[in-house]
Protein backbone atom coordinates (compact mmCIF):
# COMPACT_ATOMS: atom_id res chain seq x y z
CA MET A 1 -24.34 -6.14 -10.54
CA THR A 2 -20.39 -6.30 -12.21
CA VAL A 3 -20.18 -4.14 -15.13
CA HIS A 4 -16.91 -6.17 -17.37
CA GLN A 5 -15.87 -2.57 -19.31
CA THR A 6 -14.68 -3.87 -23.14
CA ALA A 7 -13.62 -0.74 -25.06
CA PRO A 8 -10.49 1.39 -23.39
CA ILE A 9 -12.09 4.38 -21.91
CA ASP A 10 -9.89 7.85 -22.29
CA LEU A 11 -7.96 10.11 -19.69
CA TYR A 12 -7.28 13.71 -21.25
CA PHE A 13 -4.30 13.52 -18.03
CA TRP A 14 -1.40 16.51 -17.12
CA PRO A 15 0.03 14.29 -14.21
CA THR A 16 -0.93 17.05 -11.21
CA PRO A 17 -2.84 16.66 -7.74
CA ASN A 18 -5.52 16.67 -9.69
CA GLY A 19 -4.68 14.21 -12.90
CA TRP A 20 -4.18 11.73 -10.78
CA LYS A 21 -7.07 11.57 -9.28
CA ALA A 22 -8.80 9.86 -12.14
CA SER A 23 -5.80 7.88 -13.30
CA ILE A 24 -5.58 6.53 -9.15
CA MET A 25 -9.38 5.80 -9.61
CA LEU A 26 -8.70 4.03 -12.93
CA GLU A 27 -6.49 0.92 -11.53
CA GLU A 28 -7.99 1.06 -8.38
CA LEU A 29 -11.14 -0.17 -10.41
CA GLU A 30 -8.64 -2.47 -13.16
CA VAL A 31 -10.71 -1.16 -15.93
CA PRO A 32 -8.82 -0.76 -19.28
CA TYR A 33 -7.82 3.13 -19.79
CA ARG A 34 -6.01 5.32 -22.62
CA LEU A 35 -3.88 8.03 -21.35
CA ASN A 36 -4.38 11.15 -23.17
CA LEU A 37 -2.01 13.94 -22.71
CA VAL A 38 -2.53 17.59 -22.24
CA ASN A 39 0.16 19.26 -21.58
CA ILE A 40 -0.98 22.01 -20.12
CA GLY A 41 2.12 24.12 -20.02
CA LYS A 42 1.71 24.40 -23.82
CA GLY A 43 -1.89 25.73 -23.75
CA GLU A 44 -3.96 22.17 -25.38
CA GLN A 45 -6.60 22.42 -23.09
CA PHE A 46 -7.54 25.02 -24.84
CA ALA A 47 -7.78 22.83 -28.53
CA PRO A 48 -11.17 23.13 -29.48
CA ASP A 49 -11.57 19.23 -29.51
CA PHE A 50 -10.33 19.67 -25.06
CA LEU A 51 -12.99 21.92 -24.87
CA ALA A 52 -15.53 20.15 -26.29
CA ILE A 53 -15.28 17.79 -22.74
CA SER A 54 -14.11 20.35 -20.82
CA PRO A 55 -15.84 23.72 -21.14
CA ASN A 56 -13.84 24.65 -17.88
CA ASN A 57 -10.15 23.53 -20.36
CA ARG A 58 -8.95 22.44 -17.07
CA MET A 59 -8.09 18.35 -17.03
CA PRO A 60 -9.38 15.55 -16.26
CA ALA A 61 -11.89 14.39 -18.79
CA ILE A 62 -12.82 11.40 -19.13
CA LEU A 63 -14.77 9.71 -22.27
CA ASP A 64 -15.99 6.34 -21.48
CA PRO A 65 -17.28 5.10 -25.20
CA GLU A 66 -19.71 2.25 -22.93
CA GLY A 67 -21.62 5.40 -20.97
CA PRO A 68 -25.98 4.49 -20.48
CA ASP A 69 -27.17 3.06 -22.04
CA GLY A 70 -24.30 2.44 -24.33
CA ASP A 71 -23.49 5.47 -25.73
CA PRO A 72 -20.90 7.32 -25.26
CA ILE A 73 -20.17 10.10 -22.79
CA SER A 74 -17.83 12.24 -21.10
CA VAL A 75 -17.74 13.25 -18.34
CA PHE A 76 -15.17 16.51 -16.88
CA GLU A 77 -14.34 18.05 -12.98
CA SER A 78 -11.99 15.68 -11.18
CA GLY A 79 -15.16 14.80 -8.35
CA ALA A 80 -17.74 13.88 -10.94
CA ILE A 81 -15.12 11.37 -12.27
CA LEU A 82 -14.59 9.93 -9.77
CA GLN A 83 -18.51 9.62 -8.84
CA TYR A 84 -19.22 8.54 -12.22
CA LEU A 85 -16.61 5.39 -11.93
CA GLY A 86 -17.75 4.74 -8.34
CA ARG A 87 -21.78 4.59 -9.26
CA LYS A 88 -20.47 2.55 -13.07
CA PHE A 89 -18.50 -0.06 -11.32
CA GLY A 90 -19.97 -0.52 -7.88
CA LYS A 91 -16.20 0.39 -6.46
CA PHE A 92 -14.97 2.60 -3.80
CA TYR A 93 -18.60 5.11 -3.50
CA PRO A 94 -20.93 3.22 -1.10
CA GLN A 95 -24.15 2.64 -2.10
CA ASP A 96 -25.47 3.10 1.95
CA GLU A 97 -27.39 6.59 0.88
CA ARG A 98 -25.37 7.30 5.02
CA ARG A 99 -22.02 5.94 3.69
CA ARG A 100 -22.50 7.57 0.49
CA VAL A 101 -23.32 11.84 2.58
CA GLU A 102 -19.77 10.48 3.74
CA VAL A 103 -18.02 10.78 1.13
CA GLU A 104 -19.48 12.85 -0.87
CA GLU A 105 -19.18 15.80 2.35
CA TRP A 106 -14.96 14.52 1.92
CA LEU A 107 -14.79 15.23 -1.56
CA MET A 108 -16.39 17.88 -1.30
CA TRP A 109 -14.37 19.41 1.53
CA GLN A 110 -11.05 18.47 -0.62
CA MET A 111 -13.00 20.09 -3.82
CA GLY A 112 -13.37 23.45 -1.64
CA GLY A 113 -10.81 22.87 0.33
CA PHE A 114 -7.91 20.65 0.57
CA GLY A 115 -7.01 21.32 -2.89
CA PRO A 116 -7.11 24.85 -4.12
CA MET A 117 -6.07 26.00 -1.20
CA LEU A 118 -2.82 24.06 -1.12
CA GLY A 119 -3.06 24.85 -4.71
CA GLN A 120 -2.76 28.43 -4.04
CA SER A 121 -0.60 27.96 -1.18
CA HIS A 122 2.34 26.09 -3.47
CA HIS A 123 1.70 28.99 -5.93
CA PHE A 124 1.74 32.49 -3.72
CA ARG A 125 5.24 30.14 -2.33
CA GLN A 126 6.65 29.18 -5.53
CA TYR A 127 5.64 30.96 -8.61
CA ALA A 128 4.63 34.82 -7.89
CA PRO A 129 6.93 36.81 -9.22
CA GLU A 130 6.72 38.69 -5.92
CA LYS A 131 7.03 37.60 -2.34
CA VAL A 132 3.46 39.12 -0.75
CA PRO A 133 3.55 38.16 3.09
CA TYR A 134 0.04 38.69 2.90
CA ALA A 135 -1.01 35.72 0.85
CA ILE A 136 2.04 33.08 2.15
CA GLU A 137 0.71 34.02 5.88
CA ARG A 138 -3.46 33.40 4.34
CA TYR A 139 -2.51 30.22 2.79
CA ASP A 140 0.13 28.87 4.49
CA ASN A 141 -2.48 29.59 7.58
CA GLU A 142 -5.36 27.96 5.83
CA VAL A 143 -2.89 24.94 4.93
CA GLN A 144 -2.49 24.96 8.56
CA ARG A 145 -5.50 24.37 9.43
CA LEU A 146 -7.02 21.50 6.96
CA TYR A 147 -4.24 19.22 7.33
CA GLY A 148 -5.68 19.61 11.34
CA VAL A 149 -9.10 18.97 9.91
CA LEU A 150 -8.17 15.82 8.30
CA ASN A 151 -5.55 15.19 11.26
CA ARG A 152 -8.68 15.18 13.93
CA ARG A 153 -10.50 13.20 11.18
CA LEU A 154 -8.07 10.26 10.29
CA ASP A 155 -7.83 9.91 14.89
CA GLY A 156 -9.19 6.37 15.10
CA ARG A 157 -9.36 5.62 11.44
CA ASP A 158 -7.98 3.94 8.74
CA TYR A 159 -9.58 5.62 5.99
CA ILE A 160 -11.28 8.98 5.67
CA ALA A 161 -14.99 8.18 5.70
CA ALA A 162 -17.18 5.31 5.43
CA GLY A 163 -15.11 3.10 7.06
CA ASP A 164 -12.30 1.70 3.43
CA PHE A 165 -10.56 2.74 0.96
CA THR A 166 -13.95 5.16 -1.03
CA ILE A 167 -13.22 7.84 -3.66
CA ALA A 168 -12.35 10.49 -0.51
CA ASP A 169 -8.57 9.23 -0.14
CA ILE A 170 -8.14 8.60 -3.88
CA ALA A 171 -9.60 12.18 -4.29
CA SER A 172 -7.25 13.56 -1.04
CA ILE A 173 -3.59 11.77 -2.11
CA GLY A 174 -2.56 13.96 -4.40
CA TRP A 175 -2.98 16.95 -3.28
CA ALA A 176 -0.76 15.11 0.43
CA GLN A 177 1.99 13.75 -1.64
CA ARG A 178 3.36 17.07 -1.97
CA PHE A 179 3.15 18.43 1.27
CA LYS A 180 6.43 19.30 0.85
CA ARG A 181 5.63 22.11 -1.81
CA HIS A 182 2.54 22.93 0.95
CA ALA A 183 5.13 23.94 4.35
CA VAL A 184 4.36 21.05 5.73
CA ASP A 185 6.14 18.80 8.63
CA LEU A 186 3.41 14.95 8.51
CA ASP A 187 5.58 14.92 12.02
CA ASP A 188 3.05 17.93 13.55
CA PHE A 189 0.26 15.74 11.64
CA PRO A 190 0.49 11.80 11.99
CA ASN A 191 -3.01 10.95 11.97
CA VAL A 192 -2.10 12.37 8.04
CA LYS A 193 1.69 10.73 7.84
CA ALA A 194 0.34 7.05 8.96
CA TRP A 195 -2.86 7.58 5.69
CA ARG A 196 -0.93 8.65 3.80
CA GLU A 197 1.75 5.75 3.71
CA ARG A 198 -1.24 3.69 4.06
CA ILE A 199 -2.50 4.91 0.98
CA LEU A 200 0.80 4.76 -1.23
CA ALA A 201 1.26 1.19 0.05
CA ARG A 202 -1.77 0.27 -3.14
CA PRO A 203 -0.55 -0.96 -6.53
CA GLY A 204 -3.00 0.89 -7.04
CA VAL A 205 -2.15 3.89 -5.88
CA GLN A 206 1.17 3.43 -7.07
CA LYS A 207 0.05 2.98 -10.95
CA GLY A 208 -1.53 5.95 -10.52
CA LEU A 209 0.94 8.58 -9.74
CA LYS A 210 3.12 6.88 -12.23
CA ALA A 211 1.35 7.99 -14.90
CA GLY A 212 3.00 10.55 -16.97
CA GLU A 213 5.72 10.95 -14.80
CA ALA A 214 7.98 10.92 -17.34
CA GLU A 215 6.63 13.53 -19.14
CA GLU A 216 5.39 15.56 -15.46
CA LYS A 217 9.68 15.88 -15.95
CA THR A 218 10.08 17.76 -19.12
CA LEU A 219 7.44 20.74 -17.74
CA VAL A 220 9.42 22.73 -15.08
CA ILE A 221 6.81 25.51 -14.39
CA GLY A 222 9.37 27.00 -11.76
CA LYS A 223 11.30 28.12 -14.73
CA ASP A 224 9.79 27.94 -18.02
CA LYS A 225 8.54 31.28 -18.44
CA GLU A 226 6.12 30.43 -21.24
CA ALA A 227 4.84 27.78 -19.00
CA GLN A 228 4.24 30.62 -16.29
CA SER A 229 2.18 32.72 -19.08
CA VAL A 230 -0.15 29.71 -19.52
CA LEU A 231 -1.03 29.46 -16.98
CA PHE A 232 -1.29 31.79 -14.24
CA GLY A 233 -2.09 34.50 -17.96
CA GLN A 234 -5.27 32.57 -18.84
CA LYS A 235 -8.15 34.57 -19.50
CA ALA A 236 -11.48 33.82 -22.12
CA ARG A 237 -10.08 32.16 -25.16
């Protein structure tokens, strides 16, 4: 059954690989949504109104005014958002159990590895106040391993899971988009390189990656000490 969204979904967002998961999904679904920027460099993720829908003080989060039984629902965590939207609109998240499990395996792989580990590599390469060779080597090695896992997975495949474009691809493309920040040479991973080009050719992906594009340029974390303090010195509030 086709679900028609009449009221826009509120997306609380900042342009990062995790934020792009939600914007790409909404663009690919072609459902109305309203972009609400959460400037993570200025601590807006700690505002009480935002914490009410995202208690982990992380974006993205969504507020769907037309949730289950017609009542509003909020969803935080990027993977949970992809699953919710995939179930609701019946796209990019197969209903067949075997294919769905395959998609979920690779979604969890991204959430637990191809994201956090790449982020740590970027942190120690770009933002750490002092170079820590052990940490750089540790995360660089893990980045190479994870790209290798994805490269093997894509051998003979156009998409990561279930033989089609799914939320597994949506979850991973934003991180693969930033391969240069992870000191990765995509020529070493030809299957990933071809997959990346294939996914980036999709209009919905292109639009999703452009969400908040102008605002992203206003936050240069490497040069903004206040933003670094907010992002990397977070404690319980």
